[in-house]
Amino acid sequence: FTTRLIRDQALKRSWKVWLYYEYSSQLRLER
């Protein structure tokens, strides 16, 4: 849930978001 909300908020800010693998909480964000 927290990872999902971070992903969604980052996308709203036009950030790029990558995941290393499904179900992981390790994210790479690019502003």
PDB file of all heavy atoms in Angstrom:
ATOM      1  N   PHE A   1       0.816  -1.212   0.000  1.00  0.00           N
ATOM      2  CA  PHE A   1       0.000   0.000   0.000  1.00  0.00           C
ATOM      3  C   PHE A   1       0.855   1.270   0.000  1.00  0.00           C
ATOM      4  O   PHE A   1       0.640   2.188  -0.794  1.00  0.00           O
ATOM      5  CB  PHE A   1      -0.923  -0.016   1.217  1.00  0.00           C
ATOM      6  CG  PHE A   1      -2.203   0.748   1.019  1.00  0.00           C
ATOM      7  CD1 PHE A   1      -3.280   0.531   1.858  1.00  0.00           C
ATOM      8  CD2 PHE A   1      -2.353   1.668  -0.008  1.00  0.00           C
ATOM      9  CE1 PHE A   1      -4.476   1.229   1.704  1.00  0.00           C
ATOM     10  CE2 PHE A   1      -3.544   2.370  -0.181  1.00  0.00           C
ATOM     11  CZ  PHE A   1      -4.599   2.147   0.675  1.00  0.00           C
ATOM     12  N   THR A   2       1.850   1.356   0.893  1.00  0.00           N
ATOM     13  CA  THR A   2       2.681   2.564   0.940  1.00  0.00           C
ATOM     14  C   THR A   2       3.445   2.756  -0.356  1.00  0.00           C
ATOM     15  O   THR A   2       3.522   3.868  -0.894  1.00  0.00           O
ATOM     16  CB  THR A   2       3.652   2.503   2.133  1.00  0.00           C
ATOM     17  OG1 THR A   2       2.901   2.559   3.354  1.00  0.00           O
ATOM     18  CG2 THR A   2       4.623   3.678   2.106  1.00  0.00           C
ATOM     19  N   THR A   3       4.007   1.672  -0.879  1.00  0.00           N
ATOM     20  CA  THR A   3       4.749   1.750  -2.140  1.00  0.00           C
ATOM     21  C   THR A   3       3.841   2.217  -3.264  1.00  0.00           C
ATOM     22  O   THR A   3       4.233   3.032  -4.117  1.00  0.00           O
ATOM     23  CB  THR A   3       5.362   0.381  -2.485  1.00  0.00           C
ATOM     24  OG1 THR A   3       6.199  -0.039  -1.410  1.00  0.00           O
ATOM     25  CG2 THR A   3       6.175   0.447  -3.768  1.00  0.00           C
ATOM     26  N   ARG A   4       2.625   1.705  -3.292  1.00  0.00           N
ATOM     27  CA  ARG A   4       1.651   2.104  -4.313  1.00  0.00           C
ATOM     28  C   ARG A   4       1.358   3.606  -4.233  1.00  0.00           C
ATOM     29  O   ARG A   4       1.327   4.302  -5.250  1.00  0.00           O
ATOM     30  CB  ARG A   4       0.356   1.322  -4.123  1.00  0.00           C
ATOM     31  CG  ARG A   4      -0.717   1.596  -5.166  1.00  0.00           C
ATOM     32  CD  ARG A   4      -2.077   1.076  -4.707  1.00  0.00           C
ATOM     33  NE  ARG A   4      -1.971  -0.213  -4.042  1.00  0.00           N
ATOM     34  CZ  ARG A   4      -2.930  -0.737  -3.280  1.00  0.00           C
ATOM     35  NH1 ARG A   4      -4.056  -0.067  -3.081  1.00  0.00           N
ATOM     36  NH2 ARG A   4      -2.765  -1.915  -2.727  1.00  0.00           N
ATOM     37  N   LEU A   5       1.166   4.121  -3.009  1.00  0.00           N
ATOM     38  CA  LEU A   5       0.860   5.545  -2.847  1.00  0.00           C
ATOM     39  C   LEU A   5       2.040   6.418  -3.245  1.00  0.00           C
ATOM     40  O   LEU A   5       1.859   7.499  -3.827  1.00  0.00           O
ATOM     41  CB  LEU A   5       0.447   5.824  -1.402  1.00  0.00           C
ATOM     42  CG  LEU A   5      -0.867   5.174  -0.941  1.00  0.00           C
ATOM     43  CD1 LEU A   5      -1.107   5.464   0.532  1.00  0.00           C
ATOM     44  CD2 LEU A   5      -2.045   5.669  -1.779  1.00  0.00           C
ATOM     45  N   ILE A   6       3.248   5.957  -2.938  1.00  0.00           N
ATOM     46  CA  ILE A   6       4.443   6.707  -3.357  1.00  0.00           C
ATOM     47  C   ILE A   6       4.527   6.725  -4.876  1.00  0.00           C
ATOM     48  O   ILE A   6       4.791   7.770  -5.493  1.00  0.00           O
ATOM     49  CB  ILE A   6       5.713   6.083  -2.748  1.00  0.00           C
ATOM     50  CG1 ILE A   6       5.721   6.277  -1.225  1.00  0.00           C
ATOM     51  CG2 ILE A   6       6.968   6.697  -3.370  1.00  0.00           C
ATOM     52  CD1 ILE A   6       6.793   5.497  -0.508  1.00  0.00           C
ATOM     53  N   ARG A   7       4.301   5.567  -5.502  1.00  0.00           N
ATOM     54  CA  ARG A   7       4.312   5.484  -6.965  1.00  0.00           C
ATOM     55  C   ARG A   7       3.296   6.446  -7.568  1.00  0.00           C
ATOM     56  O   ARG A   7       3.611   7.235  -8.485  1.00  0.00           O
ATOM     57  CB  ARG A   7       4.006   4.040  -7.373  1.00  0.00           C
ATOM     58  CG  ARG A   7       4.110   3.715  -8.877  1.00  0.00           C
ATOM     59  CD  ARG A   7       2.814   3.909  -9.682  1.00  0.00           C
ATOM     60  NE  ARG A   7       1.617   3.306  -9.158  1.00  0.00           N
ATOM     61  CZ  ARG A   7       1.133   2.109  -9.527  1.00  0.00           C
ATOM     62  NH1 ARG A   7       1.757   1.387 -10.412  1.00  0.00           N
ATOM     63  NH2 ARG A   7      -0.024   1.671  -9.017  1.00  0.00           N
ATOM     64  N   ASP A   8       2.077   6.431  -7.039  1.00  0.00           N
ATOM     65  CA  ASP A   8       1.007   7.250  -7.593  1.00  0.00           C
ATOM     66  C   ASP A   8       1.295   8.741  -7.408  1.00  0.00           C
ATOM     67  O   ASP A   8       1.067   9.546  -8.322  1.00  0.00           O
ATOM     68  CB  ASP A   8      -0.319   6.893  -6.939  1.00  0.00           C
ATOM     69  CG  ASP A   8      -0.785   5.487  -7.276  1.00  0.00           C
ATOM     70  OD1 ASP A   8      -0.218   4.882  -8.212  1.00  0.00           O
ATOM     71  OD2 ASP A   8      -1.709   4.991  -6.603  1.00  0.00           O
ATOM     72  N   GLN A   9       1.794   9.119  -6.229  1.00  0.00           N
ATOM     73  CA  GLN A   9       2.098  10.524  -5.976  1.00  0.00           C
ATOM     74  C   GLN A   9       3.245  11.008  -6.861  1.00  0.00           C
ATOM     75  O   GLN A   9       3.211  12.125  -7.393  1.00  0.00           O
ATOM     76  CB  GLN A   9       2.460  10.712  -4.498  1.00  0.00           C
ATOM     77  CG  GLN A   9       2.858  12.127  -4.107  1.00  0.00           C
ATOM     78  CD  GLN A   9       1.749  13.145  -4.234  1.00  0.00           C
ATOM     79  OE1 GLN A   9       1.985  14.285  -4.629  1.00  0.00           O
ATOM     80  NE2 GLN A   9       0.520  12.746  -3.908  1.00  0.00           N
ATOM     81  N   ALA A  10       4.251  10.152  -7.059  1.00  0.00           N
ATOM     82  CA  ALA A  10       5.373  10.527  -7.918  1.00  0.00           C
ATOM     83  C   ALA A  10       4.918  10.725  -9.363  1.00  0.00           C
ATOM     84  O   ALA A  10       5.329  11.682 -10.041  1.00  0.00           O
ATOM     85  CB  ALA A  10       6.467   9.465  -7.842  1.00  0.00           C
ATOM     86  N   LEU A  11       4.062   9.835  -9.848  1.00  0.00           N
ATOM     87  CA  LEU A  11       3.565   9.967 -11.218  1.00  0.00           C
ATOM     88  C   LEU A  11       2.744  11.237 -11.399  1.00  0.00           C
ATOM     89  O   LEU A  11       2.809  11.893 -12.447  1.00  0.00           O
ATOM     90  CB  LEU A  11       2.733   8.737 -11.594  1.00  0.00           C
ATOM     91  CG  LEU A  11       3.506   7.410 -11.702  1.00  0.00           C
ATOM     92  CD1 LEU A  11       2.543   6.252 -11.956  1.00  0.00           C
ATOM     93  CD2 LEU A  11       4.558   7.486 -12.817  1.00  0.00           C
ATOM     94  N   LYS A  12       1.983  11.612 -10.375  1.00  0.00           N
ATOM     95  CA  LYS A  12       1.215  12.853 -10.441  1.00  0.00           C
ATOM     96  C   LYS A  12       2.130  14.064 -10.587  1.00  0.00           C
ATOM     97  O   LYS A  12       1.739  15.087 -11.160  1.00  0.00           O
ATOM     98  CB  LYS A  12       0.356  13.006  -9.182  1.00  0.00           C
ATOM     99  CG  LYS A  12      -0.868  12.108  -9.142  1.00  0.00           C
ATOM    100  CD  LYS A  12      -1.677  12.356  -7.872  1.00  0.00           C
ATOM    101  CE  LYS A  12      -2.895  11.458  -7.813  1.00  0.00           C
ATOM    102  NZ  LYS A  12      -3.684  11.664  -6.571  1.00  0.00           N
ATOM    103  N   ARG A  13       3.346  13.942 -10.069  1.00  0.00           N
ATOM    104  CA  ARG A  13       4.307  15.042 -10.136  1.00  0.00           C
ATOM    105  C   ARG A  13       5.180  14.953 -11.392  1.00  0.00           C
ATOM    106  O   ARG A  13       6.188  15.655 -11.511  1.00  0.00           O
ATOM    107  CB  ARG A  13       5.197  15.047  -8.890  1.00  0.00           C
ATOM    108  CG  ARG A  13       4.409  15.255  -7.604  1.00  0.00           C
ATOM    109  CD  ARG A  13       5.328  15.332  -6.397  1.00  0.00           C
ATOM    110  NE  ARG A  13       4.543  15.467  -5.170  1.00  0.00           N
ATOM    111  CZ  ARG A  13       4.946  16.111  -4.085  1.00  0.00           C
ATOM    112  NH1 ARG A  13       6.130  16.696  -4.064  1.00  0.00           N
ATOM    113  NH2 ARG A  13       4.181  16.179  -3.014  1.00  0.00           N
ATOM    114  N   SER A  14       4.810  14.053 -12.292  1.00  0.00           N
ATOM    115  CA  SER A  14       5.543  13.848 -13.554  1.00  0.00           C
ATOM    116  C   SER A  14       6.938  13.289 -13.323  1.00  0.00           C
ATOM    117  O   SER A  14       7.859  13.530 -14.115  1.00  0.00           O
ATOM    118  CB  SER A  14       5.632  15.165 -14.356  1.00  0.00           C
ATOM    119  OG  SER A  14       4.338  15.624 -14.689  1.00  0.00           O
ATOM    120  N   TRP A  15       7.097  12.537 -12.236  1.00  0.00           N
ATOM    121  CA  TRP A  15       8.343  11.825 -12.008  1.00  0.00           C
ATOM    122  C   TRP A  15       8.271  10.489 -12.746  1.00  0.00           C
ATOM    123  O   TRP A  15       7.181   9.946 -12.988  1.00  0.00           O
ATOM    124  CB  TRP A  15       8.550  11.550 -10.526  1.00  0.00           C
ATOM    125  CG  TRP A  15       8.778  12.762  -9.676  1.00  0.00           C
ATOM    126  CD1 TRP A  15       8.453  14.057  -9.968  1.00  0.00           C
ATOM    127  CD2 TRP A  15       9.355  12.772  -8.371  1.00  0.00           C
ATOM    128  NE1 TRP A  15       8.790  14.884  -8.931  1.00  0.00           N
ATOM    129  CE2 TRP A  15       9.345  14.129  -7.927  1.00  0.00           C
ATOM    130  CE3 TRP A  15       9.862  11.803  -7.525  1.00  0.00           C
ATOM    131  CZ2 TRP A  15       9.850  14.503  -6.686  1.00  0.00           C
ATOM    132  CZ3 TRP A  15      10.367  12.177  -6.291  1.00  0.00           C
ATOM    133  CH2 TRP A  15      10.358  13.501  -5.872  1.00  0.00           C
ATOM    134  N   LYS A  16       9.417   9.938 -13.066  1.00  0.00           N
ATOM    135  CA  LYS A  16       9.485   8.586 -13.597  1.00  0.00           C
ATOM    136  C   LYS A  16       9.736   7.633 -12.429  1.00  0.00           C
ATOM    137  O   LYS A  16      10.471   7.957 -11.498  1.00  0.00           O
ATOM    138  CB  LYS A  16      10.600   8.468 -14.632  1.00  0.00           C
ATOM    139  CG  LYS A  16      10.382   9.339 -15.870  1.00  0.00           C
ATOM    140  CD  LYS A  16      11.559   9.236 -16.830  1.00  0.00           C
ATOM    141  CE  LYS A  16      11.352  10.154 -18.032  1.00  0.00           C
ATOM    142  NZ  LYS A  16      12.519  10.108 -18.958  1.00  0.00           N
ATOM    143  N   VAL A  17       9.104   6.472 -12.505  1.00  0.00           N
ATOM    144  CA  VAL A  17       9.217   5.506 -11.415  1.00  0.00           C
ATOM    145  C   VAL A  17       9.495   4.120 -11.995  1.00  0.00           C
ATOM    146  O   VAL A  17       8.773   3.657 -12.878  1.00  0.00           O
ATOM    147  CB  VAL A  17       7.918   5.445 -10.579  1.00  0.00           C
ATOM    148  CG1 VAL A  17       8.122   4.554  -9.360  1.00  0.00           C
ATOM    149  CG2 VAL A  17       7.467   6.837 -10.167  1.00  0.00           C
ATOM    150  N   TRP A  18      10.562   3.489 -11.483  1.00  0.00           N
ATOM    151  CA  TRP A  18      10.883   2.129 -11.900  1.00  0.00           C
ATOM    152  C   TRP A  18      10.868   1.201 -10.694  1.00  0.00           C
ATOM    153  O   TRP A  18      11.154   1.610  -9.563  1.00  0.00           O
ATOM    154  CB  TRP A  18      12.264   2.058 -12.553  1.00  0.00           C
ATOM    155  CG  TRP A  18      12.378   2.766 -13.862  1.00  0.00           C
ATOM    156  CD1 TRP A  18      12.050   2.289 -15.096  1.00  0.00           C
ATOM    157  CD2 TRP A  18      12.863   4.097 -14.066  1.00  0.00           C
ATOM    158  NE1 TRP A  18      12.296   3.232 -16.064  1.00  0.00           N
ATOM    159  CE2 TRP A  18      12.805   4.355 -15.465  1.00  0.00           C
ATOM    160  CE3 TRP A  18      13.351   5.092 -13.228  1.00  0.00           C
ATOM    161  CZ2 TRP A  18      13.206   5.570 -16.015  1.00  0.00           C
ATOM    162  CZ3 TRP A  18      13.749   6.300 -13.773  1.00  0.00           C
ATOM    163  CH2 TRP A  18      13.671   6.526 -15.153  1.00  0.00           C
ATOM    164  N   LEU A  19      10.536  -0.046 -10.979  1.00  0.00           N
ATOM    165  CA  LEU A  19      10.519  -1.096  -9.964  1.00  0.00           C
ATOM    166  C   LEU A  19      11.522  -2.162 -10.384  1.00  0.00           C
ATOM    167  O   LEU A  19      11.631  -2.484 -11.569  1.00  0.00           O
ATOM    168  CB  LEU A  19       9.105  -1.697  -9.887  1.00  0.00           C
ATOM    169  CG  LEU A  19       8.717  -2.480  -8.654  1.00  0.00           C
ATOM    170  CD1 LEU A  19       8.614  -1.558  -7.447  1.00  0.00           C
ATOM    171  CD2 LEU A  19       7.373  -3.172  -8.893  1.00  0.00           C
ATOM    172  N   TYR A  20      12.231  -2.714  -9.423  1.00  0.00           N
ATOM    173  CA  TYR A  20      13.217  -3.735  -9.764  1.00  0.00           C
ATOM    174  C   TYR A  20      12.552  -5.062 -10.113  1.00  0.00           C
ATOM    175  O   TYR A  20      13.011  -5.792 -10.990  1.00  0.00           O
ATOM    176  CB  TYR A  20      14.208  -3.916  -8.610  1.00  0.00           C
ATOM    177  CG  TYR A  20      15.224  -2.798  -8.569  1.00  0.00           C
ATOM    178  CD1 TYR A  20      14.921  -1.575  -7.977  1.00  0.00           C
ATOM    179  CD2 TYR A  20      16.471  -2.949  -9.167  1.00  0.00           C
ATOM    180  CE1 TYR A  20      15.845  -0.535  -7.956  1.00  0.00           C
ATOM    181  CE2 TYR A  20      17.407  -1.923  -9.151  1.00  0.00           C
ATOM    182  CZ  TYR A  20      17.077  -0.718  -8.556  1.00  0.00           C
ATOM    183  OH  TYR A  20      17.994   0.315  -8.556  1.00  0.00           O
ATOM    184  N   TYR A  21      11.477  -5.386  -9.406  1.00  0.00           N
ATOM    185  CA  TYR A  21      10.688  -6.575  -9.732  1.00  0.00           C
ATOM    186  C   TYR A  21       9.329  -6.426  -9.068  1.00  0.00           C
ATOM    187  O   TYR A  21       9.163  -5.660  -8.120  1.00  0.00           O
ATOM    188  CB  TYR A  21      11.383  -7.868  -9.281  1.00  0.00           C
ATOM    189  CG  TYR A  21      11.718  -7.919  -7.811  1.00  0.00           C
ATOM    190  CD1 TYR A  21      10.817  -8.433  -6.874  1.00  0.00           C
ATOM    191  CD2 TYR A  21      12.956  -7.459  -7.349  1.00  0.00           C
ATOM    192  CE1 TYR A  21      11.122  -8.483  -5.530  1.00  0.00           C
ATOM    193  CE2 TYR A  21      13.272  -7.498  -6.003  1.00  0.00           C
ATOM    194  CZ  TYR A  21      12.353  -8.019  -5.095  1.00  0.00           C
ATOM    195  OH  TYR A  21      12.658  -8.055  -3.768  1.00  0.00           O
ATOM    196  N   GLU A  22       8.342  -7.151  -9.572  1.00  0.00           N
ATOM    197  CA  GLU A  22       6.994  -7.052  -9.022  1.00  0.00           C
ATOM    198  C   GLU A  22       6.977  -7.442  -7.550  1.00  0.00           C
ATOM    199  O   GLU A  22       7.711  -8.335  -7.132  1.00  0.00           O
ATOM    200  CB  GLU A  22       6.033  -7.945  -9.814  1.00  0.00           C
ATOM    201  CG  GLU A  22       5.726  -7.402 -11.202  1.00  0.00           C
ATOM    202  CD  GLU A  22       4.606  -8.164 -11.888  1.00  0.00           C
ATOM    203  OE1 GLU A  22       3.966  -8.992 -11.204  1.00  0.00           O
ATOM    204  OE2 GLU A  22       4.382  -7.936 -13.086  1.00  0.00           O
ATOM    205  N   TYR A  23       6.151  -6.757  -6.786  1.00  0.00           N
ATOM    206  CA  TYR A  23       5.974  -6.945  -5.342  1.00  0.00           C
ATOM    207  C   TYR A  23       7.121  -6.345  -4.524  1.00  0.00           C
ATOM    208  O   TYR A  23       7.067  -6.359  -3.300  1.00  0.00           O
ATOM    209  CB  TYR A  23       5.796  -8.437  -4.970  1.00  0.00           C
ATOM    210  CG  TYR A  23       4.652  -9.097  -5.679  1.00  0.00           C
ATOM    211  CD1 TYR A  23       4.869  -9.957  -6.743  1.00  0.00           C
ATOM    212  CD2 TYR A  23       3.333  -8.847  -5.286  1.00  0.00           C
ATOM    213  CE1 TYR A  23       3.814 -10.567  -7.407  1.00  0.00           C
ATOM    214  CE2 TYR A  23       2.269  -9.453  -5.943  1.00  0.00           C
ATOM    215  CZ  TYR A  23       2.519 -10.304  -7.003  1.00  0.00           C
ATOM    216  OH  TYR A  23       1.471 -10.903  -7.664  1.00  0.00           O
ATOM    217  N   SER A  24       8.149  -5.827  -5.181  1.00  0.00           N
ATOM    218  CA  SER A  24       9.241  -5.187  -4.455  1.00  0.00           C
ATOM    219  C   SER A  24       8.826  -3.795  -3.987  1.00  0.00           C
ATOM    220  O   SER A  24       7.957  -3.158  -4.587  1.00  0.00           O
ATOM    221  CB  SER A  24      10.475  -5.062  -5.357  1.00  0.00           C
ATOM    222  OG  SER A  24      11.463  -4.244  -4.757  1.00  0.00           O
ATOM    223  N   SER A  25       9.445  -3.319  -2.907  1.00  0.00           N
ATOM    224  CA  SER A  25       9.222  -1.955  -2.450  1.00  0.00           C
ATOM    225  C   SER A  25      10.426  -1.064  -2.723  1.00  0.00           C
ATOM    226  O   SER A  25      10.480   0.076  -2.262  1.00  0.00           O
ATOM    227  CB  SER A  25       8.912  -1.954  -0.942  1.00  0.00           C
ATOM    228  OG  SER A  25       7.664  -2.548  -0.694  1.00  0.00           O
ATOM    229  N   GLN A  26      11.403  -1.602  -3.454  1.00  0.00           N
ATOM    230  CA  GLN A  26      12.589  -0.832  -3.830  1.00  0.00           C
ATOM    231  C   GLN A  26      12.289  -0.089  -5.134  1.00  0.00           C
ATOM    232  O   GLN A  26      12.071  -0.706  -6.175  1.00  0.00           O
ATOM    233  CB  GLN A  26      13.786  -1.757  -4.029  1.00  0.00           C
ATOM    234  CG  GLN A  26      15.094  -1.043  -4.329  1.00  0.00           C
ATOM    235  CD  GLN A  26      15.690  -0.362  -3.113  1.00  0.00           C
ATOM    236  OE1 GLN A  26      15.669  -0.921  -2.032  1.00  0.00           O
ATOM    237  NE2 GLN A  26      16.216   0.841  -3.291  1.00  0.00           N
ATOM    238  N   LEU A  27      12.264   1.242  -5.072  1.00  0.00           N
ATOM    239  CA  LEU A  27      11.906   2.063  -6.219  1.00  0.00           C
ATOM    240  C   LEU A  27      13.075   2.938  -6.651  1.00  0.00           C
ATOM    241  O   LEU A  27      13.862   3.407  -5.821  1.00  0.00           O
ATOM    242  CB  LEU A  27      10.726   2.968  -5.880  1.00  0.00           C
ATOM    243  CG  LEU A  27       9.399   2.310  -5.495  1.00  0.00           C
ATOM    244  CD1 LEU A  27       8.411   3.364  -5.040  1.00  0.00           C
ATOM    245  CD2 LEU A  27       8.838   1.522  -6.666  1.00  0.00           C
ATOM    246  N   ARG A  28      13.161   3.164  -7.944  1.00  0.00           N
ATOM    247  CA  ARG A  28      14.040   4.212  -8.481  1.00  0.00           C
ATOM    248  C   ARG A  28      13.144   5.327  -8.994  1.00  0.00           C
ATOM    249  O   ARG A  28      12.272   5.097  -9.835  1.00  0.00           O
ATOM    250  CB  ARG A  28      14.927   3.695  -9.605  1.00  0.00           C
ATOM    251  CG  ARG A  28      15.788   4.797 -10.244  1.00  0.00           C
ATOM    252  CD  ARG A  28      16.678   4.265 -11.336  1.00  0.00           C
ATOM    253  NE  ARG A  28      17.708   3.389 -10.781  1.00  0.00           N
ATOM    254  CZ  ARG A  28      18.589   2.717 -11.530  1.00  0.00           C
ATOM    255  NH1 ARG A  28      18.530   2.826 -12.868  1.00  0.00           N
ATOM    256  NH2 ARG A  28      19.501   1.946 -10.967  1.00  0.00           N
ATOM    257  N   LEU A  29      13.348   6.512  -8.456  1.00  0.00           N
ATOM    258  CA  LEU A  29      12.565   7.681  -8.844  1.00  0.00           C
ATOM    259  C   LEU A  29      13.451   8.635  -9.625  1.00  0.00           C
ATOM    260  O   LEU A  29      14.633   8.810  -9.315  1.00  0.00           O
ATOM    261  CB  LEU A  29      12.033   8.392  -7.596  1.00  0.00           C
ATOM    262  CG  LEU A  29      11.235   7.536  -6.596  1.00  0.00           C
ATOM    263  CD1 LEU A  29      10.904   8.365  -5.365  1.00  0.00           C
ATOM    264  CD2 LEU A  29       9.968   7.000  -7.231  1.00  0.00           C
ATOM    265  N   GLU A  30      12.863   9.259 -10.643  1.00  0.00           N
ATOM    266  CA  GLU A  30      13.591  10.301 -11.376  1.00  0.00           C
ATOM    267  C   GLU A  30      12.725  11.541 -11.453  1.00  0.00           C
ATOM    268  O   GLU A  30      11.635  11.531 -12.025  1.00  0.00           O
ATOM    269  CB  GLU A  30      13.965   9.843 -12.784  1.00  0.00           C
ATOM    270  CG  GLU A  30      14.795  10.900 -13.541  1.00  0.00           C
ATOM    271  CD  GLU A  30      15.242  10.432 -14.909  1.00  0.00           C
ATOM    272  OE1 GLU A  30      15.745   9.279 -15.012  1.00  0.00           O
ATOM    273  OE2 GLU A  30      15.082  11.214 -15.878  1.00  0.00           O
ATOM    274  N   ARG A  31      13.222  12.623 -10.854  1.00  0.00           N
ATOM    275  CA  ARG A  31      12.490  13.884 -10.873  1.00  0.00           C
ATOM    276  C   ARG A  31      12.594  14.534 -12.249  1.00  0.00           C
ATOM    277  O   ARG A  31      13.474  14.179 -13.053  1.00  0.00           O
ATOM    278  CB  ARG A  31      13.060  14.829  -9.812  1.00  0.00           C
ATOM    279  CG  ARG A  31      12.997  14.274  -8.406  1.00  0.00           C
ATOM    280  CD  ARG A  31      13.328  15.332  -7.357  1.00  0.00           C
ATOM    281  NE  ARG A  31      14.485  16.133  -7.677  1.00  0.00           N
ATOM    282  CZ  ARG A  31      15.471  16.417  -6.820  1.00  0.00           C
ATOM    283  NH1 ARG A  31      15.436  15.910  -5.584  1.00  0.00           N
ATOM    284  NH2 ARG A  31      16.473  17.190  -7.171  1.00  0.00           N
TER     285      ARG A  31
END
